[in-house]
Amino acid sequence: MRRVGLGAGGVQVSRIGLGCLSMSGTYGRADQIESTLALQRAIDLGVNLLDTADVYGNGHNEELVGRAIVGRRDRVVLATKFGHTVTADGRIAGVDARPEVVAQRCEASLRRLRVESIDLYYLHRVDPKVPVEETVGAMARLVEQGKVRSIGLSEASVKNLRRAQAVHPLAALQTEYSLWYRDPERELLPACRELGIAFVAYAPLARGLFGAPFRSVDDLPPDDARRGHPRFSGANLERNLALSRKLDALAAKKGRTAAQLALAWLLTRGDGVIPIPGSKRRHRVEENAAAAEIELTTDDIALIESAVPRGAGTGDRYPPQLMKLLDAT
């Protein structure tokens, strides 16, 4: 798979990465064996950017990824995130990005991942109680110590992006971006291009809406977190699935899947945009990776954007308690 630079730091990553969240029970029961095989299949296909976080499965995901890459470390660009606090039962409770906790959280991730250094270390959410310069300063010290190769932010505003960049160069900003959610095109993407920061697009398939094998919330596993997600609730889901069906029909004419068209569309946004579709199954990893081979014409792009127009999706991006943790400055 073709590779592109991760920001201005020189690290080369696959055109499409792999998000690992779904491997730790968020979207139904975790299957450690299949997830491990999916991770290793991704690496064999040339997908080298693996994205995890200490909060995914409350540490479970980093441990899973760490075991899966044993013997393959030199073929992987390993990204993880810190900053969220969790309750005793693993639910996200808030954000703690005080400088004094940064090194501690990094050491814990290094142990779980079984590595000596992390290629890309993100602040998962900006802490409104802590100036971002202080958190990034602590992250920069990890770079100086060789424990982290590069740093980034997740879901940061343009204002905080610039403040952070003034302290230490950022390799990437990770934020939701898809046909369904195109708000980053207004300010965030232009700012990243100006500053030489890669834009890592998570939830590029709208959390499974594109190419989804389900047609109602009842098709989701009982323990799937999307059952409580605004995007998958009531009339919102009906309208969103209608968009998905339009993309399905367009994809069928091209001999592709809706997921592949959604990813191929993101790739037309420029080399600085790197989607990281999540999957816990090998066949989905293969399907998503194949999207990197699709070349869309101007007419193709117009048809895709006609099927899923800007702003057509309905429902908030997160449940209310998690919406409050997004950077609104």
Protein backbone atom coordinates (compact mmCIF):
# COMPACT_ATOMS: atom_id res chain seq x y z
CA MET A 1 0.00 0.00 0.00
CA ARG A 2 1.23 3.50 -0.84
CA ARG A 3 2.58 5.48 2.08
CA VAL A 4 2.47 9.17 2.93
CA GLY A 5 4.24 11.37 5.44
CA LEU A 6 2.72 11.76 8.88
CA GLY A 7 2.90 15.52 9.17
CA ALA A 8 6.33 17.08 8.76
CA GLY A 9 8.19 14.57 10.95
CA GLY A 10 9.21 12.13 8.24
CA VAL A 11 7.33 9.08 9.56
CA GLN A 12 5.76 7.20 6.64
CA VAL A 13 2.35 5.65 7.17
CA SER A 14 0.00 3.61 5.02
CA ARG A 15 -2.63 5.55 3.10
CA ILE A 16 -5.28 3.82 5.24
CA GLY A 17 -4.69 2.87 8.87
CA LEU A 18 -6.54 0.64 11.31
CA GLY A 19 -8.55 1.83 14.30
CA CYS A 20 -8.57 -0.77 17.08
CA LEU A 21 -11.38 0.45 19.37
CA SER A 22 -13.94 -2.14 18.25
CA MET A 23 -11.63 -4.99 19.26
CA SER A 24 -12.24 -4.40 22.96
CA GLY A 25 -15.96 -4.82 23.43
CA THR A 26 -17.31 -1.40 22.47
CA TYR A 27 -19.35 -2.74 19.56
CA GLY A 28 -20.20 -6.14 21.00
CA ARG A 29 -18.29 -9.02 22.55
CA ALA A 30 -14.53 -8.98 22.11
CA ASP A 31 -12.94 -11.88 20.21
CA GLN A 32 -9.26 -11.87 21.05
CA ILE A 33 -8.27 -14.54 18.54
CA GLU A 34 -10.06 -13.00 15.56
CA SER A 35 -8.92 -9.49 16.50
CA THR A 36 -5.30 -10.64 16.71
CA LEU A 37 -5.59 -12.26 13.28
CA ALA A 38 -7.20 -9.07 11.94
CA LEU A 39 -4.32 -6.96 13.24
CA GLN A 40 -1.75 -9.27 11.74
CA ARG A 41 -3.62 -9.45 8.44
CA ALA A 42 -3.64 -5.65 8.29
CA ILE A 43 0.13 -5.58 8.74
CA ASP A 44 0.58 -8.20 6.03
CA LEU A 45 -1.50 -6.03 3.67
CA GLY A 46 0.80 -3.07 4.30
CA VAL A 47 -1.47 -1.25 6.76
CA ASN A 48 1.14 -0.02 9.22
CA LEU A 49 -0.66 2.71 11.21
CA LEU A 50 -2.35 1.04 14.19
CA ASP A 51 -4.43 3.30 16.42
CA THR A 52 -5.33 2.47 20.02
CA ALA A 53 -5.78 4.30 23.35
CA ASP A 54 -5.34 3.54 27.02
CA VAL A 55 -9.09 3.99 27.57
CA TYR A 56 -10.16 1.41 24.97
CA GLY A 57 -11.31 -1.52 27.06
CA ASN A 58 -9.63 0.20 30.02
CA GLY A 59 -6.21 -1.06 28.93
CA HIS A 60 -7.39 -4.22 27.19
CA ASN A 61 -6.88 -2.81 23.71
CA GLU A 62 -3.27 -1.77 24.23
CA GLU A 63 -2.50 -5.21 25.65
CA LEU A 64 -4.16 -6.88 22.66
CA VAL A 65 -2.25 -4.75 20.17
CA GLY A 66 0.99 -5.27 22.08
CA ARG A 67 0.68 -9.05 21.88
CA ALA A 68 -0.35 -8.99 18.21
CA ILE A 69 2.70 -7.02 17.04
CA VAL A 70 5.32 -9.15 18.77
CA GLY A 71 7.86 -9.92 16.03
CA ARG A 72 6.29 -7.26 13.79
CA ARG A 73 7.24 -4.09 15.66
CA ASP A 74 9.46 -2.81 12.86
CA ARG A 75 6.51 -2.98 10.45
CA VAL A 76 4.18 -0.86 12.59
CA VAL A 77 3.65 2.82 13.30
CA LEU A 78 2.07 2.60 16.72
CA ALA A 79 -0.30 5.33 17.88
CA THR A 80 -1.99 5.52 21.25
CA LYS A 81 -3.76 8.17 23.31
CA PHE A 82 -4.10 9.31 26.92
CA GLY A 83 -6.15 11.83 28.86
CA HIS A 84 -9.49 10.25 29.65
CA THR A 85 -10.35 9.18 33.18
CA VAL A 86 -12.63 6.20 33.72
CA THR A 87 -14.96 4.87 36.39
CA ALA A 88 -14.43 1.54 38.16
CA ASP A 89 -16.54 -0.22 35.51
CA GLY A 90 -14.56 1.32 32.64
CA ARG A 91 -16.90 4.14 31.58
CA ILE A 92 -15.37 7.46 30.55
CA ALA A 93 -15.70 9.93 33.41
CA GLY A 94 -13.74 12.99 32.30
CA VAL A 95 -10.32 14.29 31.31
CA ASP A 96 -7.08 14.66 33.27
CA ALA A 97 -4.19 16.12 31.29
CA ARG A 98 -2.16 17.65 34.10
CA PRO A 99 1.57 17.64 33.28
CA GLU A 100 2.36 15.52 36.34
CA VAL A 101 0.24 12.59 35.04
CA VAL A 102 1.54 12.56 31.46
CA ALA A 103 4.70 10.52 32.11
CA GLN A 104 2.80 8.12 34.36
CA ARG A 105 0.18 7.43 31.70
CA CYS A 106 2.86 6.97 29.06
CA GLU A 107 4.76 4.43 31.16
CA ALA A 108 1.57 2.42 31.67
CA SER A 109 0.90 2.38 27.92
CA LEU A 110 4.47 1.32 27.16
CA ARG A 111 4.09 -1.64 29.53
CA ARG A 112 0.79 -2.75 28.03
CA LEU A 113 2.05 -2.35 24.47
CA ARG A 114 5.31 -4.17 25.26
CA VAL A 115 7.39 -1.56 23.47
CA GLU A 116 10.18 0.84 24.36
CA SER A 117 8.71 3.79 22.49
CA ILE A 118 5.42 4.99 21.01
CA ASP A 119 5.51 6.36 17.46
CA LEU A 120 2.60 8.79 17.88
CA TYR A 121 1.29 9.81 21.28
CA TYR A 122 -1.96 11.77 21.34
CA LEU A 123 -3.71 13.83 23.96
CA HIS A 124 -7.14 12.20 23.66
CA ARG A 125 -9.10 15.28 24.73
CA VAL A 126 -7.96 18.78 25.68
CA ASP A 127 -8.42 19.31 29.42
CA PRO A 128 -10.33 22.58 29.96
CA LYS A 129 -8.76 22.87 33.41
CA VAL A 130 -5.17 22.74 32.09
CA PRO A 131 -3.59 25.08 29.52
CA VAL A 132 -2.80 22.93 26.50
CA GLU A 133 0.73 24.37 26.46
CA GLU A 134 1.44 22.70 29.82
CA THR A 135 0.23 19.29 28.68
CA VAL A 136 2.10 19.49 25.38
CA GLY A 137 5.23 20.62 27.20
CA ALA A 138 5.10 17.41 29.25
CA MET A 139 4.53 15.39 26.08
CA ALA A 140 7.54 17.10 24.47
CA ARG A 141 9.72 15.90 27.35
CA LEU A 142 8.72 12.33 26.47
CA VAL A 143 10.04 12.96 22.95
CA GLU A 144 13.31 14.24 24.41
CA GLN A 145 13.57 11.08 26.53
CA GLY A 146 13.01 8.82 23.52
CA LYS A 147 9.80 7.31 24.91
CA VAL A 148 7.67 8.96 22.23
CA ARG A 149 8.64 9.63 18.62
CA SER A 150 6.00 12.26 17.79
CA ILE A 151 2.94 13.82 19.39
CA GLY A 152 -0.55 14.85 18.38
CA LEU A 153 -3.92 16.02 19.61
CA SER A 154 -7.37 14.48 19.25
CA GLU A 155 -10.56 16.55 18.86
CA ALA A 156 -8.82 19.87 19.46
CA SER A 157 -10.06 23.25 18.28
CA VAL A 158 -8.06 25.37 15.84
CA LYS A 159 -7.20 27.71 18.71
CA ASN A 160 -5.71 24.94 20.84
CA LEU A 161 -4.08 23.34 17.82
CA ARG A 162 -2.12 26.53 17.19
CA ARG A 163 -1.26 26.97 20.87
CA ALA A 164 0.06 23.41 21.03
CA GLN A 165 2.03 23.74 17.79
CA ALA A 166 3.81 26.79 19.23
CA VAL A 167 5.20 24.59 22.04
CA HIS A 168 6.22 21.53 20.02
CA PRO A 169 5.60 20.44 16.41
CA LEU A 170 2.54 18.21 16.09
CA ALA A 171 2.56 15.25 13.74
CA ALA A 172 -1.19 14.76 13.62
CA LEU A 173 -4.62 15.90 14.66
CA GLN A 174 -7.13 13.08 15.05
CA THR A 175 -10.77 14.03 14.62
CA GLU A 176 -13.93 12.46 13.27
CA TYR A 177 -14.31 13.03 9.54
CA SER A 178 -16.45 11.23 6.99
CA LEU A 179 -19.08 11.78 4.34
CA TRP A 180 -21.51 11.83 7.25
CA TYR A 181 -19.57 14.44 9.27
CA ARG A 182 -17.77 17.07 7.21
CA ASP A 183 -17.45 19.95 9.69
CA PRO A 184 -13.61 19.71 9.77
CA GLU A 185 -13.55 21.06 6.21
CA ARG A 186 -14.46 24.52 7.50
CA GLU A 187 -11.51 25.32 9.76
CA LEU A 188 -9.59 22.28 11.01
CA LEU A 189 -8.45 20.87 7.67
CA PRO A 190 -7.23 24.23 6.35
CA ALA A 191 -5.36 24.84 9.63
CA CYS A 192 -3.68 21.42 9.46
CA ARG A 193 -2.60 22.03 5.88
CA GLU A 194 -1.21 25.43 6.80
CA LEU A 195 0.75 24.03 9.76
CA GLY A 196 1.94 20.83 8.09
CA ILE A 197 -0.04 18.59 10.45
CA ALA A 198 -1.56 15.32 9.23
CA PHE A 199 -5.30 14.91 9.69
CA VAL A 200 -6.12 11.40 10.95
CA ALA A 201 -9.80 10.76 10.29
CA TYR A 202 -11.46 8.46 12.79
CA ALA A 203 -14.96 7.01 12.32
CA PRO A 204 -14.54 7.41 8.53
CA LEU A 205 -17.44 4.99 8.00
CA ALA A 206 -19.72 6.92 10.38
CA ARG A 207 -19.32 4.24 13.07
CA GLY A 208 -20.40 1.51 10.69
CA LEU A 209 -23.32 3.25 8.97
CA PHE A 210 -21.62 2.93 5.59
CA GLY A 211 -21.47 -0.66 4.50
CA ALA A 212 -23.42 -1.64 7.59
CA PRO A 213 -24.84 -5.19 7.67
CA PHE A 214 -27.71 -4.03 9.90
CA ARG A 215 -30.98 -2.30 9.09
CA SER A 216 -32.32 -1.57 12.58
CA VAL A 217 -30.93 -1.12 16.06
CA ASP A 218 -32.24 -4.60 16.87
CA ASP A 219 -29.60 -6.01 14.54
CA LEU A 220 -26.84 -4.72 16.83
CA PRO A 221 -25.48 -6.95 19.61
CA PRO A 222 -27.16 -6.35 23.01
CA ASP A 223 -23.88 -4.98 24.42
CA ASP A 224 -23.09 -2.73 21.44
CA ALA A 225 -22.51 0.85 22.64
CA ARG A 226 -24.15 2.20 19.49
CA ARG A 227 -27.53 1.24 20.95
CA GLY A 228 -27.17 4.36 23.10
CA HIS A 229 -25.69 6.57 20.39
CA PRO A 230 -27.80 9.45 19.03
CA ARG A 231 -26.84 8.58 15.46
CA PHE A 232 -28.40 5.13 15.86
CA SER A 233 -31.58 6.15 17.68
CA GLY A 234 -35.12 6.24 16.33
CA ALA A 235 -35.75 8.58 13.42
CA ASN A 236 -32.06 9.50 13.27
CA LEU A 237 -31.13 5.94 12.39
CA GLU A 238 -33.85 5.72 9.75
CA ARG A 239 -32.60 8.86 8.00
CA ASN A 240 -28.95 7.82 8.30
CA LEU A 241 -29.61 4.36 6.93
CA ALA A 242 -31.43 5.93 3.99
CA LEU A 243 -28.19 7.72 3.14
CA SER A 244 -26.30 4.47 3.52
CA ARG A 245 -28.66 2.71 1.10
CA LYS A 246 -28.03 5.39 -1.53
CA LEU A 247 -24.31 4.80 -1.19
CA ASP A 248 -24.90 1.03 -1.34
CA ALA A 249 -26.69 1.42 -4.67
CA LEU A 250 -23.95 3.60 -6.10
CA ALA A 251 -21.25 1.20 -4.93
CA ALA A 252 -23.03 -1.81 -6.45
CA LYS A 253 -22.88 -0.14 -9.88
CA LYS A 254 -19.11 0.16 -9.51
CA GLY A 255 -18.61 -3.36 -8.16
CA ARG A 256 -17.50 -1.97 -4.80
CA THR A 257 -18.92 -1.67 -1.30
CA ALA A 258 -20.31 1.45 0.32
CA ALA A 259 -17.48 1.36 2.86
CA GLN A 260 -14.91 1.30 0.07
CA LEU A 261 -16.48 4.29 -1.68
CA ALA A 262 -16.65 6.24 1.60
CA LEU A 263 -12.95 5.60 2.21
CA ALA A 264 -11.95 6.29 -1.38
CA TRP A 265 -13.79 9.62 -1.15
CA LEU A 266 -11.76 10.55 1.94
CA LEU A 267 -8.56 9.74 0.09
CA THR A 268 -9.45 12.38 -2.50
CA ARG A 269 -9.20 15.02 0.23
CA GLY A 270 -5.41 14.93 -0.11
CA ASP A 271 -2.43 12.96 1.22
CA GLY A 272 -2.68 14.84 4.51
CA VAL A 273 -5.96 13.07 5.32
CA ILE A 274 -5.41 9.53 6.64
CA PRO A 275 -8.55 7.51 7.47
CA ILE A 276 -8.36 4.85 10.17
CA PRO A 277 -11.46 2.66 9.74
CA GLY A 278 -12.02 0.35 12.68
CA SER A 279 -12.61 -3.35 12.39
CA LYS A 280 -12.24 -6.49 14.47
CA ARG A 281 -12.61 -8.98 11.60
CA ARG A 282 -10.18 -9.99 8.88
CA HIS A 283 -12.59 -9.73 5.97
CA ARG A 284 -13.45 -6.15 6.92
CA VAL A 285 -9.76 -5.28 7.18
CA GLU A 286 -9.25 -6.65 3.68
CA GLU A 287 -12.28 -4.80 2.33
CA ASN A 288 -11.18 -1.49 3.81
CA ALA A 289 -7.56 -1.82 2.70
CA ALA A 290 -8.70 -2.45 -0.88
CA ALA A 291 -10.23 1.04 -0.93
CA ALA A 292 -6.73 2.46 -1.30
CA GLU A 293 -6.63 1.02 -4.83
CA ILE A 294 -9.79 2.82 -6.00
CA GLU A 295 -9.37 5.83 -8.23
CA LEU A 296 -12.40 8.13 -8.31
CA THR A 297 -13.14 10.46 -11.19
CA THR A 298 -14.58 13.93 -10.74
CA ASP A 299 -17.96 12.50 -11.76
CA ASP A 300 -17.63 9.70 -9.18
CA ILE A 301 -16.95 12.22 -6.44
CA ALA A 302 -19.96 14.29 -7.47
CA LEU A 303 -22.23 11.24 -7.39
CA ILE A 304 -20.96 10.20 -3.96
CA GLU A 305 -21.50 13.68 -2.55
CA SER A 306 -24.95 13.76 -4.11
CA ALA A 307 -25.84 10.48 -2.40
CA VAL A 308 -24.59 11.76 0.97
CA PRO A 309 -24.75 15.58 0.86
CA ARG A 310 -22.91 17.72 3.36
CA GLY A 311 -24.93 17.99 6.57
CA ALA A 312 -27.43 15.28 5.61
CA GLY A 313 -26.59 13.04 8.56
CA THR A 314 -28.68 13.41 11.72
CA GLY A 315 -27.90 12.89 15.40
CA ASP A 316 -25.15 14.18 17.67
CA ARG A 317 -21.69 12.71 17.40
CA TYR A 318 -21.76 11.32 20.95
CA PRO A 319 -24.18 10.84 23.85
CA PRO A 320 -24.57 14.03 25.95
CA GLN A 321 -21.99 13.16 28.64
CA LEU A 322 -19.30 12.62 25.99
CA MET A 323 -20.29 15.64 23.90
CA LYS A 324 -19.32 17.74 26.92
CA LEU A 325 -15.71 16.51 26.63
CA LEU A 326 -15.20 17.87 23.11
CA ASP A 327 -13.02 20.96 22.79
CA ALA A 328 -15.34 23.90 22.23
CA THR A 329 -12.82 26.75 22.53
